[in-house]
Structure formats: structure tokens, C-alpha cells
Amino acid sequence: MKILVAEDSEISRRLMEFLFRDMGYEYLIVSNGQEAVDEFRSKDFDWVILDINMPVMGGYEAALEIRSIKMDIRILFISGDTIGEQKLKTPGISNGHYLTKPFTREDLENIFKGI
């Protein structure tokens, strides 16, 4: 599985890198939503993980751009609060998944497996 991650926190990026390497997934980690959109245009991914609040372009804006390229891409939004869950009802963003930080490896595996 190939995963694109957009996360502005260095600590969170390192954690994701550790988790995905340990899980055996191929991944690319970028630091904002615009970089995610740019990478998505040129590479094939199975999942996109977007932090909601990032500089340059946030997760929701990046999701709209990414879905305009490939509507059925699986997207996981991550955030430090639960308020963002309500936004998943927005057209173009719906059908996304949501995890509140901190999350566990098991949380990620459950979402990837569709549980």
C-alpha cells in the first residue's frame, strides 16, 4: 500500500514514518497540503492522510483539490480536536475518515482494513 501524508508537525511526521516503516507500507511525507496536491498529481497513492490545520494549504482544501483529480481516493483526516469530524459532511470531503491525535497503530490498521 502506498500512502501520502501531509503533516506540518515534525514530531508527528517522525511518528508516522516510524509507524509506516514498522507496518511495511510505502509512504511519502510532506509538510503541507499544497505539497500533497503536487505529489498526488505526479504519483499513484492508495491512501492520503491529511492534517486538518497546516500552513500554506490545510487538509480540507487539499482534499478538495485531490478529489478533483481522483474522486475515489481514500482520505484520512487527522487533527488534535474532534470538531473537524463535522466537516466530513461537506461535499467533496465526505466519505473521508477521521482520527483525533494521538492515535495508535491499531487505529490506523483498523481504518486501512475498513473495520
PDB file of N, CA and C in Angstrom:
ATOM      1  N   MET A   1       0.846  -1.178   0.000  1.00  0.00           N
ATOM      2  CA  MET A   1       0.000   0.000   0.000  1.00  0.00           C
ATOM      3  C   MET A   1       0.890   1.239   0.000  1.00  0.00           C
ATOM      4  N   LYS A   2       0.510   2.229  -0.807  1.00  0.00           N
ATOM      5  CA  LYS A   2       1.270   3.482  -0.894  1.00  0.00           C
ATOM      6  C   LYS A   2       0.457   4.606  -0.268  1.00  0.00           C
ATOM      7  N   ILE A   3       1.084   5.309   0.663  1.00  0.00           N
ATOM      8  CA  ILE A   3       0.394   6.325   1.453  1.00  0.00           C
ATOM      9  C   ILE A   3       1.094   7.666   1.303  1.00  0.00           C
ATOM     10  N   LEU A   4       0.309   8.710   1.073  1.00  0.00           N
ATOM     11  CA  LEU A   4       0.801  10.077   1.053  1.00  0.00           C
ATOM     12  C   LEU A   4       0.329  10.748   2.333  1.00  0.00           C
ATOM     13  N   VAL A   5       1.243  11.341   3.075  1.00  0.00           N
ATOM     14  CA  VAL A   5       0.918  12.006   4.340  1.00  0.00           C
ATOM     15  C   VAL A   5       1.306  13.478   4.246  1.00  0.00           C
ATOM     16  N   ALA A   6       0.393  14.369   4.637  1.00  0.00           N
ATOM     17  CA  ALA A   6       0.690  15.789   4.761  1.00  0.00           C
ATOM     18  C   ALA A   6       0.514  16.163   6.231  1.00  0.00           C
ATOM     19  N   GLU A   7       1.600  16.537   6.863  1.00  0.00           N
ATOM     20  CA  GLU A   7       1.623  16.847   8.300  1.00  0.00           C
ATOM     21  C   GLU A   7       2.670  17.922   8.536  1.00  0.00           C
ATOM     22  N   ASP A   8       2.283  19.016   9.198  1.00  0.00           N
ATOM     23  CA  ASP A   8       3.237  20.104   9.415  1.00  0.00           C
ATOM     24  C   ASP A   8       4.086  19.938  10.667  1.00  0.00           C
ATOM     25  N   SER A   9       3.695  19.098  11.592  1.00  0.00           N
ATOM     26  CA  SER A   9       4.448  18.897  12.834  1.00  0.00           C
ATOM     27  C   SER A   9       5.585  17.901  12.615  1.00  0.00           C
ATOM     28  N   GLU A  10       6.794  18.323  12.906  1.00  0.00           N
ATOM     29  CA  GLU A  10       7.963  17.450  12.764  1.00  0.00           C
ATOM     30  C   GLU A  10       7.825  16.198  13.630  1.00  0.00           C
ATOM     31  N   ILE A  11       7.340  16.350  14.839  1.00  0.00           N
ATOM     32  CA  ILE A  11       7.175  15.210  15.742  1.00  0.00           C
ATOM     33  C   ILE A  11       6.166  14.214  15.155  1.00  0.00           C
ATOM     34  N   SER A  12       5.043  14.714  14.652  1.00  0.00           N
ATOM     35  CA  SER A  12       4.032  13.838  14.053  1.00  0.00           C
ATOM     36  C   SER A  12       4.558  13.164  12.791  1.00  0.00           C
ATOM     37  N   ARG A  13       5.351  13.894  11.990  1.00  0.00           N
ATOM     38  CA  ARG A  13       5.938  13.289  10.787  1.00  0.00           C
ATOM     39  C   ARG A  13       6.860  12.134  11.165  1.00  0.00           C
ATOM     40  N   ARG A  14       7.663  12.310  12.197  1.00  0.00           N
ATOM     41  CA  ARG A  14       8.562  11.238  12.634  1.00  0.00           C
ATOM     42  C   ARG A  14       7.781  10.034  13.153  1.00  0.00           C
ATOM     43  N   LEU A  15       6.715  10.289  13.888  1.00  0.00           N
ATOM     44  CA  LEU A  15       5.876   9.203  14.384  1.00  0.00           C
ATOM     45  C   LEU A  15       5.262   8.418  13.226  1.00  0.00           C
ATOM     46  N   MET A  16       4.723   9.134  12.234  1.00  0.00           N
ATOM     47  CA  MET A  16       4.135   8.479  11.069  1.00  0.00           C
ATOM     48  C   MET A  16       5.188   7.654  10.328  1.00  0.00           C
ATOM     49  N   GLU A  17       6.350   8.214  10.169  1.00  0.00           N
ATOM     50  CA  GLU A  17       7.432   7.497   9.495  1.00  0.00           C
ATOM     51  C   GLU A  17       7.753   6.194  10.225  1.00  0.00           C
ATOM     52  N   PHE A  18       7.835   6.262  11.531  1.00  0.00           N
ATOM     53  CA  PHE A  18       8.095   5.069  12.335  1.00  0.00           C
ATOM     54  C   PHE A  18       6.977   4.038  12.166  1.00  0.00           C
ATOM     55  N   LEU A  19       5.731   4.491  12.275  1.00  0.00           N
ATOM     56  CA  LEU A  19       4.584   3.580  12.164  1.00  0.00           C
ATOM     57  C   LEU A  19       4.530   2.896  10.800  1.00  0.00           C
ATOM     58  N   PHE A  20       4.658   3.680   9.740  1.00  0.00           N
ATOM     59  CA  PHE A  20       4.523   3.104   8.401  1.00  0.00           C
ATOM     60  C   PHE A  20       5.697   2.202   8.038  1.00  0.00           C
ATOM     61  N   ARG A  21       6.872   2.553   8.481  1.00  0.00           N
ATOM     62  CA  ARG A  21       8.031   1.680   8.238  1.00  0.00           C
ATOM     63  C   ARG A  21       7.821   0.359   8.974  1.00  0.00           C
ATOM     64  N   ASP A  22       7.343   0.448  10.219  1.00  0.00           N
ATOM     65  CA  ASP A  22       7.093  -0.748  11.024  1.00  0.00           C
ATOM     66  C   ASP A  22       5.969  -1.606  10.424  1.00  0.00           C
ATOM     67  N   MET A  23       4.969  -0.956   9.826  1.00  0.00           N
ATOM     68  CA  MET A  23       3.838  -1.668   9.238  1.00  0.00           C
ATOM     69  C   MET A  23       4.163  -2.201   7.839  1.00  0.00           C
ATOM     70  N   GLY A  24       5.272  -1.778   7.280  1.00  0.00           N
ATOM     71  CA  GLY A  24       5.687  -2.263   5.971  1.00  0.00           C
ATOM     72  C   GLY A  24       5.054  -1.549   4.793  1.00  0.00           C
ATOM     73  N   TYR A  25       4.509  -0.345   4.999  1.00  0.00           N
ATOM     74  CA  TYR A  25       3.865   0.406   3.928  1.00  0.00           C
ATOM     75  C   TYR A  25       4.875   1.316   3.234  1.00  0.00           C
ATOM     76  N   GLU A  26       4.636   1.562   1.966  1.00  0.00           N
ATOM     77  CA  GLU A  26       5.399   2.557   1.221  1.00  0.00           C
ATOM     78  C   GLU A  26       4.731   3.905   1.489  1.00  0.00           C
ATOM     79  N   TYR A  27       5.513   4.925   1.761  1.00  0.00           N
ATOM     80  CA  TYR A  27       4.919   6.205   2.139  1.00  0.00           C
ATOM     81  C   TYR A  27       5.774   7.369   1.666  1.00  0.00           C
ATOM     82  N   LEU A  28       5.132   8.522   1.561  1.00  0.00           N
ATOM     83  CA  LEU A  28       5.791   9.789   1.287  1.00  0.00           C
ATOM     84  C   LEU A  28       5.179  10.794   2.241  1.00  0.00           C
ATOM     85  N   ILE A  29       6.018  11.535   2.957  1.00  0.00           N
ATOM     86  CA  ILE A  29       5.530  12.514   3.921  1.00  0.00           C
ATOM     87  C   ILE A  29       5.953  13.909   3.474  1.00  0.00           C
ATOM     88  N   VAL A  30       4.975  14.809   3.406  1.00  0.00           N
ATOM     89  CA  VAL A  30       5.208  16.208   3.053  1.00  0.00           C
ATOM     90  C   VAL A  30       4.702  17.091   4.196  1.00  0.00           C
ATOM     91  N   SER A  31       5.014  18.392   4.128  1.00  0.00           N
ATOM     92  CA  SER A  31       4.731  19.251   5.284  1.00  0.00           C
ATOM     93  C   SER A  31       3.524  20.175   5.139  1.00  0.00           C
ATOM     94  N   ASN A  32       2.824  20.139   4.006  1.00  0.00           N
ATOM     95  CA  ASN A  32       1.596  20.940   3.904  1.00  0.00           C
ATOM     96  C   ASN A  32       0.716  20.413   2.782  1.00  0.00           C
ATOM     97  N   GLY A  33      -0.496  20.924   2.712  1.00  0.00           N
ATOM     98  CA  GLY A  33      -1.467  20.445   1.750  1.00  0.00           C
ATOM     99  C   GLY A  33      -1.093  20.716   0.300  1.00  0.00           C
ATOM    100  N   GLN A  34      -0.458  21.843   0.034  1.00  0.00           N
ATOM    101  CA  GLN A  34      -0.064  22.142  -1.347  1.00  0.00           C
ATOM    102  C   GLN A  34       0.962  21.131  -1.844  1.00  0.00           C
ATOM    103  N   GLU A  35       1.912  20.775  -0.993  1.00  0.00           N
ATOM    104  CA  GLU A  35       2.889  19.759  -1.376  1.00  0.00           C
ATOM    105  C   GLU A  35       2.194  18.416  -1.625  1.00  0.00           C
ATOM    106  N   ALA A  36       1.176  18.109  -0.834  1.00  0.00           N
ATOM    107  CA  ALA A  36       0.423  16.864  -1.026  1.00  0.00           C
ATOM    108  C   ALA A  36      -0.269  16.858  -2.388  1.00  0.00           C
ATOM    109  N   VAL A  37      -0.917  17.953  -2.737  1.00  0.00           N
ATOM    110  CA  VAL A  37      -1.589  18.046  -4.029  1.00  0.00           C
ATOM    111  C   VAL A  37      -0.579  17.887  -5.159  1.00  0.00           C
ATOM    112  N   ASP A  38       0.562  18.561  -5.041  1.00  0.00           N
ATOM    113  CA  ASP A  38       1.592  18.475  -6.077  1.00  0.00           C
ATOM    114  C   ASP A  38       2.099  17.045  -6.237  1.00  0.00           C
ATOM    115  N   GLU A  39       2.343  16.351  -5.141  1.00  0.00           N
ATOM    116  CA  GLU A  39       2.815  14.962  -5.202  1.00  0.00           C
ATOM    117  C   GLU A  39       1.737  14.043  -5.746  1.00  0.00           C
ATOM    118  N   PHE A  40       0.486  14.300  -5.372  1.00  0.00           N
ATOM    119  CA  PHE A  40      -0.621  13.460  -5.820  1.00  0.00           C
ATOM    120  C   PHE A  40      -0.793  13.544  -7.335  1.00  0.00           C
ATOM    121  N   ARG A  41      -0.534  14.698  -7.896  1.00  0.00           N
ATOM    122  CA  ARG A  41      -0.659  14.875  -9.346  1.00  0.00           C
ATOM    123  C   ARG A  41       0.339  14.009 -10.119  1.00  0.00           C
ATOM    124  N   SER A  42       1.479  13.712  -9.508  1.00  0.00           N
ATOM    125  CA  SER A  42       2.538  13.022 -10.244  1.00  0.00           C
ATOM    126  C   SER A  42       2.777  11.572  -9.832  1.00  0.00           C
ATOM    127  N   LYS A  43       2.131  11.119  -8.770  1.00  0.00           N
ATOM    128  CA  LYS A  43       2.358   9.755  -8.285  1.00  0.00           C
ATOM    129  C   LYS A  43       1.033   9.084  -7.952  1.00  0.00           C
ATOM    130  N   ASP A  44       1.066   7.769  -7.847  1.00  0.00           N
ATOM    131  CA  ASP A  44      -0.127   6.991  -7.534  1.00  0.00           C
ATOM    132  C   ASP A  44      -0.097   6.586  -6.058  1.00  0.00           C
ATOM    133  N   PHE A  45      -1.179   6.862  -5.341  1.00  0.00           N
ATOM    134  CA  PHE A  45      -1.285   6.517  -3.923  1.00  0.00           C
ATOM    135  C   PHE A  45      -2.598   5.785  -3.672  1.00  0.00           C
ATOM    136  N   ASP A  46      -2.589   4.933  -2.641  1.00  0.00           N
ATOM    137  CA  ASP A  46      -3.797   4.222  -2.227  1.00  0.00           C
ATOM    138  C   ASP A  46      -4.569   4.981  -1.153  1.00  0.00           C
ATOM    139  N   TRP A  47      -3.830   5.712  -0.323  1.00  0.00           N
ATOM    140  CA  TRP A  47      -4.410   6.495   0.771  1.00  0.00           C
ATOM    141  C   TRP A  47      -3.720   7.849   0.828  1.00  0.00           C
ATOM    142  N   VAL A  48      -4.476   8.861   1.265  1.00  0.00           N
ATOM    143  CA  VAL A  48      -3.913  10.173   1.572  1.00  0.00           C
ATOM    144  C   VAL A  48      -4.311  10.497   3.003  1.00  0.00           C
ATOM    145  N   ILE A  49      -3.325  10.862   3.804  1.00  0.00           N
ATOM    146  CA  ILE A  49      -3.568  11.270   5.188  1.00  0.00           C
ATOM    147  C   ILE A  49      -3.250  12.753   5.287  1.00  0.00           C
ATOM    148  N   LEU A  50      -4.228  13.531   5.726  1.00  0.00           N
ATOM    149  CA  LEU A  50      -4.095  14.986   5.760  1.00  0.00           C
ATOM    150  C   LEU A  50      -4.370  15.531   7.157  1.00  0.00           C
ATOM    151  N   ASP A  51      -3.391  16.244   7.698  1.00  0.00           N
ATOM    152  CA  ASP A  51      -3.645  17.012   8.910  1.00  0.00           C
ATOM    153  C   ASP A  51      -4.601  18.132   8.507  1.00  0.00           C
ATOM    154  N   ILE A  52      -5.514  18.460   9.356  1.00  0.00           N
ATOM    155  CA  ILE A  52      -6.509  19.468   9.008  1.00  0.00           C
ATOM    156  C   ILE A  52      -5.915  20.874   9.003  1.00  0.00           C
ATOM    157  N   ASN A  53      -5.139  21.206  10.024  1.00  0.00           N
ATOM    158  CA  ASN A  53      -4.606  22.555  10.160  1.00  0.00           C
ATOM    159  C   ASN A  53      -3.121  22.584   9.812  1.00  0.00           C
ATOM    160  N   MET A  54      -2.831  23.089   8.604  1.00  0.00           N
ATOM    161  CA  MET A  54      -1.444  23.214   8.145  1.00  0.00           C
ATOM    162  C   MET A  54      -1.267  24.567   7.480  1.00  0.00           C
ATOM    163  N   PRO A  55      -0.033  25.062   7.461  1.00  0.00           N
ATOM    164  CA  PRO A  55       0.231  26.304   6.727  1.00  0.00           C
ATOM    165  C   PRO A  55       0.167  26.058   5.220  1.00  0.00           C
ATOM    166  N   VAL A  56       0.097  27.106   4.463  1.00  0.00           N
ATOM    167  CA  VAL A  56       0.056  27.126   3.001  1.00  0.00           C
ATOM    168  C   VAL A  56      -1.298  26.619   2.500  1.00  0.00           C
ATOM    169  N   MET A  57      -1.637  25.346   2.783  1.00  0.00           N
ATOM    170  CA  MET A  57      -2.941  24.787   2.422  1.00  0.00           C
ATOM    171  C   MET A  57      -3.304  23.732   3.457  1.00  0.00           C
ATOM    172  N   GLY A  58      -4.468  23.876   4.048  1.00  0.00           N
ATOM    173  CA  GLY A  58      -4.925  22.931   5.064  1.00  0.00           C
ATOM    174  C   GLY A  58      -5.458  21.643   4.448  1.00  0.00           C
ATOM    175  N   GLY A  59      -5.791  20.698   5.302  1.00  0.00           N
ATOM    176  CA  GLY A  59      -6.233  19.389   4.867  1.00  0.00           C
ATOM    177  C   GLY A  59      -7.524  19.378   4.075  1.00  0.00           C
ATOM    178  N   TYR A  60      -8.507  20.172   4.481  1.00  0.00           N
ATOM    179  CA  TYR A  60      -9.783  20.171   3.767  1.00  0.00           C
ATOM    180  C   TYR A  60      -9.621  20.741   2.354  1.00  0.00           C
ATOM    181  N   GLU A  61      -8.860  21.818   2.251  1.00  0.00           N
ATOM    182  CA  GLU A  61      -8.629  22.418   0.935  1.00  0.00           C
ATOM    183  C   GLU A  61      -7.857  21.447   0.034  1.00  0.00           C
ATOM    184  N   ALA A  62      -6.860  20.791   0.615  1.00  0.00           N
ATOM    185  CA  ALA A  62      -6.079  19.810  -0.152  1.00  0.00           C
ATOM    186  C   ALA A  62      -6.968  18.649  -0.590  1.00  0.00           C
ATOM    187  N   ALA A  63      -7.876  18.209   0.279  1.00  0.00           N
ATOM    188  CA  ALA A  63      -8.779  17.107  -0.065  1.00  0.00           C
ATOM    189  C   ALA A  63      -9.650  17.455  -1.263  1.00  0.00           C
ATOM    190  N   LEU A  64     -10.151  18.679  -1.298  1.00  0.00           N
ATOM    191  CA  LEU A  64     -10.977  19.099  -2.434  1.00  0.00           C
ATOM    192  C   LEU A  64     -10.173  19.063  -3.732  1.00  0.00           C
ATOM    193  N   GLU A  65      -8.934  19.537  -3.681  1.00  0.00           N
ATOM    194  CA  GLU A  65      -8.064  19.509  -4.866  1.00  0.00           C
ATOM    195  C   GLU A  65      -7.757  18.071  -5.287  1.00  0.00           C
ATOM    196  N   ILE A  66      -7.425  17.246  -4.308  1.00  0.00           N
ATOM    197  CA  ILE A  66      -7.075  15.852  -4.589  1.00  0.00           C
ATOM    198  C   ILE A  66      -8.280  15.097  -5.143  1.00  0.00           C
ATOM    199  N   ARG A  67      -9.446  15.324  -4.580  1.00  0.00           N
ATOM    200  CA  ARG A  67     -10.654  14.656  -5.086  1.00  0.00           C
ATOM    201  C   ARG A  67     -11.029  15.154  -6.480  1.00  0.00           C
ATOM    202  N   SER A  68     -10.613  16.349  -6.853  1.00  0.00           N
ATOM    203  CA  SER A  68     -10.878  16.811  -8.217  1.00  0.00           C
ATOM    204  C   SER A  68      -9.996  16.056  -9.221  1.00  0.00           C
ATOM    205  N   ILE A  69      -8.906  15.480  -8.736  1.00  0.00           N
ATOM    206  CA  ILE A  69      -8.011  14.679  -9.572  1.00  0.00           C
ATOM    207  C   ILE A  69      -8.474  13.228  -9.606  1.00  0.00           C
ATOM    208  N   LYS A  70      -8.823  12.697  -8.446  1.00  0.00           N
ATOM    209  CA  LYS A  70      -9.262  11.300  -8.341  1.00  0.00           C
ATOM    210  C   LYS A  70     -10.336  11.222  -7.252  1.00  0.00           C
ATOM    211  N   MET A  71     -11.575  11.130  -7.664  1.00  0.00           N
ATOM    212  CA  MET A  71     -12.704  11.211  -6.750  1.00  0.00           C
ATOM    213  C   MET A  71     -12.732  10.086  -5.721  1.00  0.00           C
ATOM    214  N   ASP A  72     -12.301   8.880  -6.097  1.00  0.00           N
ATOM    215  CA  ASP A  72     -12.462   7.744  -5.192  1.00  0.00           C
ATOM    216  C   ASP A  72     -11.233   7.455  -4.318  1.00  0.00           C
ATOM    217  N   ILE A  73     -10.311   8.401  -4.217  1.00  0.00           N
ATOM    218  CA  ILE A  73      -9.142   8.198  -3.357  1.00  0.00           C
ATOM    219  C   ILE A  73      -9.583   8.148  -1.891  1.00  0.00           C
ATOM    220  N   ARG A  74      -8.988   7.253  -1.147  1.00  0.00           N
ATOM    221  CA  ARG A  74      -9.305   7.140   0.282  1.00  0.00           C
ATOM    222  C   ARG A  74      -8.506   8.182   1.051  1.00  0.00           C
ATOM    223  N   ILE A  75      -9.218   8.964   1.859  1.00  0.00           N
ATOM    224  CA  ILE A  75      -8.594  10.054   2.615  1.00  0.00           C
ATOM    225  C   ILE A  75      -8.875   9.865   4.102  1.00  0.00           C
ATOM    226  N   LEU A  76      -7.829  10.063   4.879  1.00  0.00           N
ATOM    227  CA  LEU A  76      -7.919  10.056   6.338  1.00  0.00           C
ATOM    228  C   LEU A  76      -7.508  11.433   6.824  1.00  0.00           C
ATOM    229  N   PHE A  77      -8.404  12.102   7.546  1.00  0.00           N
ATOM    230  CA  PHE A  77      -8.092  13.391   8.151  1.00  0.00           C
ATOM    231  C   PHE A  77      -7.634  13.157   9.578  1.00  0.00           C
ATOM    232  N   ILE A  78      -6.607  13.891   9.998  1.00  0.00           N
ATOM    233  CA  ILE A  78      -6.137  13.799  11.374  1.00  0.00           C
ATOM    234  C   ILE A  78      -6.101  15.193  11.977  1.00  0.00           C
ATOM    235  N   SER A  79      -6.381  15.258  13.276  1.00  0.00           N
ATOM    236  CA  SER A  79      -6.398  16.547  13.956  1.00  0.00           C
ATOM    237  C   SER A  79      -6.283  16.347  15.453  1.00  0.00           C
ATOM    238  N   GLY A  80      -5.930  17.420  16.135  1.00  0.00           N
ATOM    239  CA  GLY A  80      -5.848  17.390  17.583  1.00  0.00           C
ATOM    240  C   GLY A  80      -7.184  17.614  18.260  1.00  0.00           C
ATOM    241  N   ASP A  81      -8.259  17.848  17.497  1.00  0.00           N
ATOM    242  CA  ASP A  81      -9.579  18.044  18.100  1.00  0.00           C
ATOM    243  C   ASP A  81     -10.636  17.247  17.343  1.00  0.00           C
ATOM    244  N   THR A  82     -11.799  17.110  17.940  1.00  0.00           N
ATOM    245  CA  THR A  82     -12.873  16.335  17.323  1.00  0.00           C
ATOM    246  C   THR A  82     -13.844  17.202  16.529  1.00  0.00           C
ATOM    247  N   ILE A  83     -13.685  18.499  16.585  1.00  0.00           N
ATOM    248  CA  ILE A  83     -14.606  19.396  15.881  1.00  0.00           C
ATOM    249  C   ILE A  83     -14.570  19.143  14.380  1.00  0.00           C
ATOM    250  N   GLY A  84     -13.412  18.790  13.851  1.00  0.00           N
ATOM    251  CA  GLY A  84     -13.262  18.569  12.421  1.00  0.00           C
ATOM    252  C   GLY A  84     -14.125  17.463  11.866  1.00  0.00           C
ATOM    253  N   GLU A  85     -14.563  16.545  12.708  1.00  0.00           N
ATOM    254  CA  GLU A  85     -15.411  15.448  12.243  1.00  0.00           C
ATOM    255  C   GLU A  85     -16.676  15.956  11.570  1.00  0.00           C
ATOM    256  N   GLN A  86     -17.202  17.054  12.038  1.00  0.00           N
ATOM    257  CA  GLN A  86     -18.430  17.613  11.469  1.00  0.00           C
ATOM    258  C   GLN A  86     -18.234  18.030  10.015  1.00  0.00           C
ATOM    259  N   LYS A  87     -17.032  18.456   9.674  1.00  0.00           N
ATOM    260  CA  LYS A  87     -16.741  18.937   8.322  1.00  0.00           C
ATOM    261  C   LYS A  87     -16.797  17.804   7.290  1.00  0.00           C
ATOM    262  N   LEU A  88     -16.715  16.561   7.729  1.00  0.00           N
ATOM    263  CA  LEU A  88     -16.719  15.431   6.802  1.00  0.00           C
ATOM    264  C   LEU A  88     -18.024  15.322   6.019  1.00  0.00           C
ATOM    265  N   LYS A  89     -19.017  16.086   6.404  1.00  0.00           N
ATOM    266  CA  LYS A  89     -20.294  16.077   5.691  1.00  0.00           C
ATOM    267  C   LYS A  89     -20.273  17.036   4.501  1.00  0.00           C
ATOM    268  N   THR A  90     -19.200  17.800   4.340  1.00  0.00           N
ATOM    269  CA  THR A  90     -19.078  18.767   3.255  1.00  0.00           C
ATOM    270  C   THR A  90     -18.912  18.046   1.915  1.00  0.00           C
ATOM    271  N   PRO A  91     -19.654  18.447   0.881  1.00  0.00           N
ATOM    272  CA  PRO A  91     -19.476  17.822  -0.435  1.00  0.00           C
ATOM    273  C   PRO A  91     -18.014  17.894  -0.876  1.00  0.00           C
ATOM    274  N   GLY A  92     -17.529  16.817  -1.437  1.00  0.00           N
ATOM    275  CA  GLY A  92     -16.136  16.744  -1.866  1.00  0.00           C
ATOM    276  C   GLY A  92     -15.219  16.231  -0.782  1.00  0.00           C
ATOM    277  N   ILE A  93     -15.631  16.378   0.457  1.00  0.00           N
ATOM    278  CA  ILE A  93     -14.839  15.896   1.586  1.00  0.00           C
ATOM    279  C   ILE A  93     -15.486  14.642   2.167  1.00  0.00           C
ATOM    280  N   SER A  94     -16.788  14.494   1.965  1.00  0.00           N
ATOM    281  CA  SER A  94     -17.488  13.344   2.536  1.00  0.00           C
ATOM    282  C   SER A  94     -16.837  12.036   2.106  1.00  0.00           C
ATOM    283  N   ASN A  95     -17.127  10.996   2.812  1.00  0.00           N
ATOM    284  CA  ASN A  95     -16.531   9.678   2.618  1.00  0.00           C
ATOM    285  C   ASN A  95     -15.089   9.624   3.091  1.00  0.00           C
ATOM    286  N   GLY A  96     -14.651  10.623   3.821  1.00  0.00           N
ATOM    287  CA  GLY A  96     -13.326  10.586   4.427  1.00  0.00           C
ATOM    288  C   GLY A  96     -13.412   9.945   5.803  1.00  0.00           C
ATOM    289  N   HIS A  97     -12.285   9.582   6.314  1.00  0.00           N
ATOM    290  CA  HIS A  97     -12.188   9.038   7.661  1.00  0.00           C
ATOM    291  C   HIS A  97     -11.523  10.091   8.537  1.00  0.00           C
ATOM    292  N   TYR A  98     -11.665   9.943   9.856  1.00  0.00           N
ATOM    293  CA  TYR A  98     -11.159  10.960  10.773  1.00  0.00           C
ATOM    294  C   TYR A  98     -10.571  10.297  12.007  1.00  0.00           C
ATOM    295  N   LEU A  99      -9.369  10.726  12.386  1.00  0.00           N
ATOM    296  CA  LEU A  99      -8.748  10.282  13.635  1.00  0.00           C
ATOM    297  C   LEU A  99      -8.290  11.498  14.420  1.00  0.00           C
ATOM    298  N   THR A 100      -8.517  11.451  15.721  1.00  0.00           N
ATOM    299  CA  THR A 100      -8.033  12.503  16.608  1.00  0.00           C
ATOM    300  C   THR A 100      -6.676  12.087  17.168  1.00  0.00           C
ATOM    301  N   LYS A 101      -5.741  13.024  17.156  1.00  0.00           N
ATOM    302  CA  LYS A 101      -4.419  12.770  17.732  1.00  0.00           C
ATOM    303  C   LYS A 101      -4.533  12.787  19.249  1.00  0.00           C
ATOM    304  N   PRO A 102      -3.807  12.009  19.970  1.00  0.00           N
ATOM    305  CA  PRO A 102      -2.903  10.972  19.473  1.00  0.00           C
ATOM    306  C   PRO A 102      -3.699   9.723  19.111  1.00  0.00           C
ATOM    307  N   PHE A 103      -3.229   8.993  18.125  1.00  0.00           N
ATOM    308  CA  PHE A 103      -3.862   7.741  17.735  1.00  0.00           C
ATOM    309  C   PHE A 103      -2.816   6.637  17.763  1.00  0.00           C
ATOM    310  N   THR A 104      -3.277   5.419  17.669  1.00  0.00           N
ATOM    311  CA  THR A 104      -2.381   4.270  17.783  1.00  0.00           C
ATOM    312  C   THR A 104      -2.216   3.575  16.434  1.00  0.00           C
ATOM    313  N   ARG A 105      -1.269   2.695  16.396  1.00  0.00           N
ATOM    314  CA  ARG A 105      -1.070   1.859  15.213  1.00  0.00           C
ATOM    315  C   ARG A 105      -2.344   1.064  14.927  1.00  0.00           C
ATOM    316  N   GLU A 106      -2.967   0.560  15.966  1.00  0.00           N
ATOM    317  CA  GLU A 106      -4.206  -0.210  15.809  1.00  0.00           C
ATOM    318  C   GLU A 106      -5.312   0.641  15.191  1.00  0.00           C
ATOM    319  N   ASP A 107      -5.397   1.919  15.592  1.00  0.00           N
ATOM    320  CA  ASP A 107      -6.384   2.820  14.996  1.00  0.00           C
ATOM    321  C   ASP A 107      -6.175   2.924  13.486  1.00  0.00           C
ATOM    322  N   LEU A 108      -4.923   3.108  13.082  1.00  0.00           N
ATOM    323  CA  LEU A 108      -4.604   3.203  11.652  1.00  0.00           C
ATOM    324  C   LEU A 108      -4.930   1.899  10.930  1.00  0.00           C
ATOM    325  N   GLU A 109      -4.507   0.790  11.495  1.00  0.00           N
ATOM    326  CA  GLU A 109      -4.750  -0.504  10.856  1.00  0.00           C
ATOM    327  C   GLU A 109      -6.243  -0.761  10.682  1.00  0.00           C
ATOM    328  N   ASN A 110      -7.042  -0.401  11.672  1.00  0.00           N
ATOM    329  CA  ASN A 110      -8.487  -0.590  11.574  1.00  0.00           C
ATOM    330  C   ASN A 110      -9.090   0.227  10.434  1.00  0.00           C
ATOM    331  N   ILE A 111      -8.630   1.435  10.268  1.00  0.00           N
ATOM    332  CA  ILE A 111      -9.139   2.272   9.163  1.00  0.00           C
ATOM    333  C   ILE A 111      -8.684   1.713   7.825  1.00  0.00           C
ATOM    334  N   PHE A 112      -7.429   1.333   7.714  1.00  0.00           N
ATOM    335  CA  PHE A 112      -6.915   0.791   6.451  1.00  0.00           C
ATOM    336  C   PHE A 112      -7.623  -0.504   6.069  1.00  0.00           C
ATOM    337  N   LYS A 113      -8.007  -1.300   7.058  1.00  0.00           N
ATOM    338  CA  LYS A 113      -8.687  -2.569   6.782  1.00  0.00           C
ATOM    339  C   LYS A 113     -10.191  -2.387   6.619  1.00  0.00           C
ATOM    340  N   GLY A 114     -10.686  -1.175   6.893  1.00  0.00           N
ATOM    341  CA  GLY A 114     -12.107  -0.921   6.727  1.00  0.00           C
ATOM    342  C   GLY A 114     -12.971  -1.406   7.859  1.00  0.00           C
ATOM    343  N   ILE A 115     -12.380  -1.529   9.046  1.00  0.00           N
ATOM    344  CA  ILE A 115     -13.140  -2.014  10.198  1.00  0.00           C
ATOM    345  C   ILE A 115     -13.819  -0.850  10.897  1.00  0.00           C
TER     346      ILE A 115
END
